[in-house]
């Protein structure tokens, strides 16, 4: 499945982020805990090369906890401050504040030595639909930033004062011009980072059935009360149609409805908490284990 999506507003958003860097002390990179590598924009390494950066594995409640721990260990070993959280719930707010404070401490101290109180401004970045605005709203305690479960909603930068010493800059979700890794692009589409409107939804559902069937073989039979997975993804989708009563006039199976239901229920973790990639798998996928660090 050939997947690419880089509309004009993303190129504009990238320029906006680049122009704003001089006014920013810290980068908070938000990634999807279900796909911690595939949801990282590789262009950010060059764009933010001279800025302190921390990472949040967001939507951790939707991800496999054991694999999330592997990813946290991986990024910590690479020297990147990282934590996992579900930003829809504010219980980990203090942990994030602590991480930001540690990352900004050197600049705050330097300003204090000059007799000035430093207000830290952190730019919140990431690809579409990883929960940047929801993350900011967790801190603000209100709907300060626009949030949506659809990619491409945040239109421009917004600056929100969180505490007397911290401001967060919300930015639009930005992908990169060419999605060269087919597996990574598929993971982006499955998690909703790419608009369903431009995708073959049934084709996506077939890929999802194959991946879930391999990684979590009991998930689909348990969710849809199937005796077993079908011989092919098509057979499994047809079985789901029958179990759920997804029928068109004349009794024909409504496979499109089943496909959309599968994607929605995967994204909402109704199939269970799942992660689609591990650090070891990315090393193999990259073809050069030594070059895979961040």
Foldseek 3Di string as FASTA:
>chain_A
DFDFDADPLQVVLLVQVLVCVVVAAEEEEFAALQERPLFAAPVVCVSCVPHHYAYEHEPQVQADVVQSVLVCVQQVVLVHHYDYDHLLDLPCVVVVVVVVCVSCVVVQVVVVVVVDGAAHEYEYATAFQSCSQSNVCSQQVHSQDDDDNAADDRRAWDWDDRDPRYIYIYTHHHHDRHDPQPVSSLVCVLLRSDPCVVPPLLVSLQVVCVQCCVPPVVLLCVLQVNPGADPGSVVNLQSSQVSVVQADPPRHGPSSVSSVVSSVCSNVQVSHRHHRDHLVRVLVSVVHNVPDRD
